[in-house]
Amino acid sequence: MTRSNPQGEIGFLSDTRRMNVGMTRARRKLLLMGDLSTLCSHPFFVDLLAYVKRMEGYRTPLE
């Protein structure tokens, strides 16, 4: 979803409308991958991660 950077800047994804389009176009399955330390600098992604964890959809790369 985003490149990792020490500034925590998410660039393109800071416009949540872009994420809305990407998420609502999925037909059967939606897989999201990204660097949480970068993404969680934005409130939208904090809320999204909390939701995904509640739905038991969160996995780490080692699982």
PDB file of N, CA and C in Angstrom:
ATOM      1  N   MET A   1       0.806  -1.194   0.000  1.00  0.00           N
ATOM      2  CA  MET A   1       0.000   0.000   0.000  1.00  0.00           C
ATOM      3  C   MET A   1       0.853   1.263   0.000  1.00  0.00           C
ATOM      4  N   THR A   2       1.937   1.247   0.719  1.00  0.00           N
ATOM      5  CA  THR A   2       2.762   2.450   0.794  1.00  0.00           C
ATOM      6  C   THR A   2       4.219   2.062   1.009  1.00  0.00           C
ATOM      7  N   ARG A   3       5.074   2.932   0.593  1.00  0.00           N
ATOM      8  CA  ARG A   3       6.479   2.660   0.881  1.00  0.00           C
ATOM      9  C   ARG A   3       6.758   3.073   2.328  1.00  0.00           C
ATOM     10  N   SER A   4       7.737   2.463   2.903  1.00  0.00           N
ATOM     11  CA  SER A   4       8.120   2.764   4.278  1.00  0.00           C
ATOM     12  C   SER A   4       9.075   3.947   4.280  1.00  0.00           C
ATOM     13  N   ASN A   5       8.872   4.855   5.232  1.00  0.00           N
ATOM     14  CA  ASN A   5       9.814   5.957   5.367  1.00  0.00           C
ATOM     15  C   ASN A   5       9.818   6.463   6.801  1.00  0.00           C
ATOM     16  N   PRO A   6      10.956   6.966   7.258  1.00  0.00           N
ATOM     17  CA  PRO A   6      11.073   7.394   8.654  1.00  0.00           C
ATOM     18  C   PRO A   6      10.215   8.617   8.999  1.00  0.00           C
ATOM     19  N   GLN A   7       9.778   9.366   7.992  1.00  0.00           N
ATOM     20  CA  GLN A   7       8.950  10.552   8.248  1.00  0.00           C
ATOM     21  C   GLN A   7       7.490  10.188   8.495  1.00  0.00           C
ATOM     22  N   GLY A   8       7.092   8.957   8.186  1.00  0.00           N
ATOM     23  CA  GLY A   8       5.712   8.533   8.366  1.00  0.00           C
ATOM     24  C   GLY A   8       4.768   9.149   7.346  1.00  0.00           C
ATOM     25  N   GLU A   9       5.283   9.557   6.200  1.00  0.00           N
ATOM     26  CA  GLU A   9       4.465  10.169   5.156  1.00  0.00           C
ATOM     27  C   GLU A   9       3.867   9.084   4.263  1.00  0.00           C
ATOM     28  N   ILE A  10       2.548   9.143   4.052  1.00  0.00           N
ATOM     29  CA  ILE A  10       1.905   8.107   3.248  1.00  0.00           C
ATOM     30  C   ILE A  10       1.576   8.571   1.840  1.00  0.00           C
ATOM     31  N   GLY A  11       1.793   9.830   1.547  1.00  0.00           N
ATOM     32  CA  GLY A  11       1.667  10.341   0.185  1.00  0.00           C
ATOM     33  C   GLY A  11       0.314  10.096  -0.454  1.00  0.00           C
ATOM     34  N   PHE A  12       0.308   9.330  -1.530  1.00  0.00           N
ATOM     35  CA  PHE A  12      -0.866   9.026  -2.350  1.00  0.00           C
ATOM     36  C   PHE A  12      -2.059   8.574  -1.504  1.00  0.00           C
ATOM     37  N   LEU A  13      -1.804   7.788  -0.473  1.00  0.00           N
ATOM     38  CA  LEU A  13      -2.888   7.224   0.333  1.00  0.00           C
ATOM     39  C   LEU A  13      -3.451   8.184   1.369  1.00  0.00           C
ATOM     40  N   SER A  14      -2.893   9.373   1.487  1.00  0.00           N
ATOM     41  CA  SER A  14      -3.440  10.315   2.467  1.00  0.00           C
ATOM     42  C   SER A  14      -4.824  10.803   2.052  1.00  0.00           C
ATOM     43  N   ASP A  15      -5.163  10.637   0.780  1.00  0.00           N
ATOM     44  CA  ASP A  15      -6.515  10.938   0.299  1.00  0.00           C
ATOM     45  C   ASP A  15      -7.342   9.668   0.485  1.00  0.00           C
ATOM     46  N   THR A  16      -8.169   9.634   1.523  1.00  0.00           N
ATOM     47  CA  THR A  16      -8.912   8.417   1.855  1.00  0.00           C
ATOM     48  C   THR A  16      -9.911   8.023   0.768  1.00  0.00           C
ATOM     49  N   ARG A  17     -10.244   8.941  -0.114  1.00  0.00           N
ATOM     50  CA  ARG A  17     -11.131   8.580  -1.226  1.00  0.00           C
ATOM     51  C   ARG A  17     -10.476   7.537  -2.123  1.00  0.00           C
ATOM     52  N   ARG A  18      -9.169   7.593  -2.244  1.00  0.00           N
ATOM     53  CA  ARG A  18      -8.451   6.607  -3.065  1.00  0.00           C
ATOM     54  C   ARG A  18      -8.564   5.216  -2.442  1.00  0.00           C
ATOM     55  N   MET A  19      -8.444   5.148  -1.125  1.00  0.00           N
ATOM     56  CA  MET A  19      -8.604   3.863  -0.440  1.00  0.00           C
ATOM     57  C   MET A  19     -10.040   3.380  -0.565  1.00  0.00           C
ATOM     58  N   ASN A  20     -10.997   4.282  -0.471  1.00  0.00           N
ATOM     59  CA  ASN A  20     -12.400   3.905  -0.609  1.00  0.00           C
ATOM     60  C   ASN A  20     -12.639   3.244  -1.972  1.00  0.00           C
ATOM     61  N   VAL A  21     -12.115   3.831  -3.018  1.00  0.00           N
ATOM     62  CA  VAL A  21     -12.277   3.264  -4.364  1.00  0.00           C
ATOM     63  C   VAL A  21     -11.640   1.879  -4.414  1.00  0.00           C
ATOM     64  N   GLY A  22     -10.438   1.759  -3.931  1.00  0.00           N
ATOM     65  CA  GLY A  22      -9.746   0.468  -3.971  1.00  0.00           C
ATOM     66  C   GLY A  22     -10.453  -0.606  -3.167  1.00  0.00           C
ATOM     67  N   MET A  23     -10.964  -0.250  -2.010  1.00  0.00           N
ATOM     68  CA  MET A  23     -11.616  -1.233  -1.143  1.00  0.00           C
ATOM     69  C   MET A  23     -12.994  -1.628  -1.655  1.00  0.00           C
ATOM     70  N   THR A  24     -13.718  -0.719  -2.229  1.00  0.00           N
ATOM     71  CA  THR A  24     -15.076  -1.038  -2.672  1.00  0.00           C
ATOM     72  C   THR A  24     -15.112  -1.731  -4.021  1.00  0.00           C
ATOM     73  N   ARG A  25     -14.000  -1.795  -4.725  1.00  0.00           N
ATOM     74  CA  ARG A  25     -13.965  -2.473  -6.026  1.00  0.00           C
ATOM     75  C   ARG A  25     -13.694  -3.970  -5.901  1.00  0.00           C
ATOM     76  N   ALA A  26     -13.262  -4.411  -4.726  1.00  0.00           N
ATOM     77  CA  ALA A  26     -12.955  -5.832  -4.533  1.00  0.00           C
ATOM     78  C   ALA A  26     -14.228  -6.663  -4.688  1.00  0.00           C
ATOM     79  N   ARG A  27     -14.145  -7.734  -5.450  1.00  0.00           N
ATOM     80  CA  ARG A  27     -15.312  -8.591  -5.701  1.00  0.00           C
ATOM     81  C   ARG A  27     -15.367  -9.784  -4.750  1.00  0.00           C
ATOM     82  N   ARG A  28     -14.250 -10.457  -4.562  1.00  0.00           N
ATOM     83  CA  ARG A  28     -14.251 -11.686  -3.768  1.00  0.00           C
ATOM     84  C   ARG A  28     -13.346 -11.610  -2.543  1.00  0.00           C
ATOM     85  N   LYS A  29     -12.223 -10.964  -2.682  1.00  0.00           N
ATOM     86  CA  LYS A  29     -11.262 -10.926  -1.581  1.00  0.00           C
ATOM     87  C   LYS A  29     -10.468  -9.640  -1.667  1.00  0.00           C
ATOM     88  N   LEU A  30     -10.148  -9.096  -0.526  1.00  0.00           N
ATOM     89  CA  LEU A  30      -9.331  -7.889  -0.459  1.00  0.00           C
ATOM     90  C   LEU A  30      -8.148  -8.166   0.444  1.00  0.00           C
ATOM     91  N   LEU A  31      -6.964  -8.080  -0.096  1.00  0.00           N
ATOM     92  CA  LEU A  31      -5.733  -8.233   0.677  1.00  0.00           C
ATOM     93  C   LEU A  31      -5.031  -6.888   0.704  1.00  0.00           C
ATOM     94  N   LEU A  32      -4.692  -6.444   1.884  1.00  0.00           N
ATOM     95  CA  LEU A  32      -3.968  -5.179   2.043  1.00  0.00           C
ATOM     96  C   LEU A  32      -2.632  -5.484   2.690  1.00  0.00           C
ATOM     97  N   MET A  33      -1.578  -4.916   2.142  1.00  0.00           N
ATOM     98  CA  MET A  33      -0.249  -5.067   2.724  1.00  0.00           C
ATOM     99  C   MET A  33       0.366  -3.690   2.855  1.00  0.00           C
ATOM    100  N   GLY A  34       1.061  -3.474   3.935  1.00  0.00           N
ATOM    101  CA  GLY A  34       1.710  -2.193   4.123  1.00  0.00           C
ATOM    102  C   GLY A  34       2.554  -2.167   5.373  1.00  0.00           C
ATOM    103  N   ASP A  35       3.272  -1.112   5.545  1.00  0.00           N
ATOM    104  CA  ASP A  35       4.129  -0.909   6.709  1.00  0.00           C
ATOM    105  C   ASP A  35       3.316  -0.190   7.781  1.00  0.00           C
ATOM    106  N   LEU A  36       2.983  -0.895   8.853  1.00  0.00           N
ATOM    107  CA  LEU A  36       2.132  -0.309   9.885  1.00  0.00           C
ATOM    108  C   LEU A  36       2.766   0.894  10.566  1.00  0.00           C
ATOM    109  N   SER A  37       4.072   0.890  10.707  1.00  0.00           N
ATOM    110  CA  SER A  37       4.707   2.031  11.367  1.00  0.00           C
ATOM    111  C   SER A  37       4.536   3.309  10.547  1.00  0.00           C
ATOM    112  N   THR A  38       4.437   3.172   9.237  1.00  0.00           N
ATOM    113  CA  THR A  38       4.178   4.331   8.376  1.00  0.00           C
ATOM    114  C   THR A  38       2.683   4.613   8.282  1.00  0.00           C
ATOM    115  N   LEU A  39       1.884   3.590   7.994  1.00  0.00           N
ATOM    116  CA  LEU A  39       0.443   3.785   7.819  1.00  0.00           C
ATOM    117  C   LEU A  39      -0.252   4.307   9.070  1.00  0.00           C
ATOM    118  N   CYS A  40       0.184   3.865  10.227  1.00  0.00           N
ATOM    119  CA  CYS A  40      -0.513   4.248  11.461  1.00  0.00           C
ATOM    120  C   CYS A  40      -0.217   5.680  11.903  1.00  0.00           C
ATOM    121  N   SER A  41       0.459   6.442  11.053  1.00  0.00           N
ATOM    122  CA  SER A  41       0.614   7.869  11.323  1.00  0.00           C
ATOM    123  C   SER A  41      -0.623   8.629  10.844  1.00  0.00           C
ATOM    124  N   HIS A  42      -1.555   7.931  10.187  1.00  0.00           N
ATOM    125  CA  HIS A  42      -2.770   8.545   9.655  1.00  0.00           C
ATOM    126  C   HIS A  42      -3.987   7.938  10.373  1.00  0.00           C
ATOM    127  N   PRO A  43      -4.887   8.765  10.921  1.00  0.00           N
ATOM    128  CA  PRO A  43      -6.034   8.250  11.691  1.00  0.00           C
ATOM    129  C   PRO A  43      -6.916   7.253  10.936  1.00  0.00           C
ATOM    130  N   PHE A  44      -7.090   7.428   9.635  1.00  0.00           N
ATOM    131  CA  PHE A  44      -7.909   6.497   8.859  1.00  0.00           C
ATOM    132  C   PHE A  44      -7.366   5.080   8.957  1.00  0.00           C
ATOM    133  N   PHE A  45      -6.057   4.926   8.820  1.00  0.00           N
ATOM    134  CA  PHE A  45      -5.456   3.600   8.831  1.00  0.00           C
ATOM    135  C   PHE A  45      -5.413   3.012  10.232  1.00  0.00           C
ATOM    136  N   VAL A  46      -5.345   3.847  11.255  1.00  0.00           N
ATOM    137  CA  VAL A  46      -5.449   3.363  12.631  1.00  0.00           C
ATOM    138  C   VAL A  46      -6.826   2.720  12.819  1.00  0.00           C
ATOM    139  N   ASP A  47      -7.877   3.418  12.367  1.00  0.00           N
ATOM    140  CA  ASP A  47      -9.240   2.889  12.476  1.00  0.00           C
ATOM    141  C   ASP A  47      -9.427   1.640  11.622  1.00  0.00           C
ATOM    142  N   LEU A  48      -8.871   1.652  10.420  1.00  0.00           N
ATOM    143  CA  LEU A  48      -8.983   0.491   9.541  1.00  0.00           C
ATOM    144  C   LEU A  48      -8.319  -0.725  10.172  1.00  0.00           C
ATOM    145  N   LEU A  49      -7.136  -0.558  10.724  1.00  0.00           N
ATOM    146  CA  LEU A  49      -6.439  -1.673  11.360  1.00  0.00           C
ATOM    147  C   LEU A  49      -7.234  -2.195  12.556  1.00  0.00           C
ATOM    148  N   ALA A  50      -7.796  -1.309  13.350  1.00  0.00           N
ATOM    149  CA  ALA A  50      -8.601  -1.736  14.500  1.00  0.00           C
ATOM    150  C   ALA A  50      -9.792  -2.575  14.032  1.00  0.00           C
ATOM    151  N   TYR A  51     -10.434  -2.145  12.964  1.00  0.00           N
ATOM    152  CA  TYR A  51     -11.568  -2.894  12.412  1.00  0.00           C
ATOM    153  C   TYR A  51     -11.133  -4.278  11.925  1.00  0.00           C
ATOM    154  N   VAL A  52     -10.053  -4.321  11.159  1.00  0.00           N
ATOM    155  CA  VAL A  52      -9.579  -5.589  10.606  1.00  0.00           C
ATOM    156  C   VAL A  52      -9.204  -6.550  11.736  1.00  0.00           C
ATOM    157  N   LYS A  53      -8.596  -6.044  12.793  1.00  0.00           N
ATOM    158  CA  LYS A  53      -8.244  -6.892  13.934  1.00  0.00           C
ATOM    159  C   LYS A  53      -9.494  -7.423  14.627  1.00  0.00           C
ATOM    160  N   ARG A  54     -10.522  -6.578  14.772  1.00  0.00           N
ATOM    161  CA  ARG A  54     -11.780  -7.032  15.384  1.00  0.00           C
ATOM    162  C   ARG A  54     -12.427  -8.141  14.563  1.00  0.00           C
ATOM    163  N   MET A  55     -12.289  -8.077  13.260  1.00  0.00           N
ATOM    164  CA  MET A  55     -12.860  -9.085  12.358  1.00  0.00           C
ATOM    165  C   MET A  55     -11.941 -10.296  12.200  1.00  0.00           C
ATOM    166  N   GLU A  56     -10.844 -10.305  12.949  1.00  0.00           N
ATOM    167  CA  GLU A  56      -9.841 -11.375  12.924  1.00  0.00           C
ATOM    168  C   GLU A  56      -9.244 -11.563  11.522  1.00  0.00           C
ATOM    169  N   GLY A  57      -9.030 -10.454  10.836  1.00  0.00           N
ATOM    170  CA  GLY A  57      -8.468 -10.514   9.502  1.00  0.00           C
ATOM    171  C   GLY A  57      -7.016 -10.081   9.411  1.00  0.00           C
ATOM    172  N   TYR A  58      -6.422  -9.748  10.539  1.00  0.00           N
ATOM    173  CA  TYR A  58      -5.036  -9.258  10.543  1.00  0.00           C
ATOM    174  C   TYR A  58      -4.056 -10.421  10.657  1.00  0.00           C
ATOM    175  N   ARG A  59      -3.041 -10.418   9.822  1.00  0.00           N
ATOM    176  CA  ARG A  59      -1.971 -11.423   9.889  1.00  0.00           C
ATOM    177  C   ARG A  59      -0.639 -10.714   9.747  1.00  0.00           C
ATOM    178  N   THR A  60       0.358 -11.233  10.438  1.00  0.00           N
ATOM    179  CA  THR A  60       1.712 -10.731  10.272  1.00  0.00           C
ATOM    180  C   THR A  60       2.390 -11.526   9.163  1.00  0.00           C
ATOM    181  N   PRO A  61       3.491 -11.054   8.623  1.00  0.00           N
ATOM    182  CA  PRO A  61       4.164 -11.781   7.545  1.00  0.00           C
ATOM    183  C   PRO A  61       4.651 -13.166   7.961  1.00  0.00           C
ATOM    184  N   LEU A  62       4.826 -13.391   9.250  1.00  0.00           N
ATOM    185  CA  LEU A  62       5.363 -14.670   9.715  1.00  0.00           C
ATOM    186  C   LEU A  62       4.287 -15.711   9.970  1.00  0.00           C
ATOM    187  N   GLU A  63       3.040 -15.360   9.851  1.00  0.00           N
ATOM    188  CA  GLU A  63       1.952 -16.313  10.130  1.00  0.00           C
ATOM    189  C   GLU A  63       1.625 -17.140   8.924  1.00  0.00           C
TER     190      GLU A  63
END
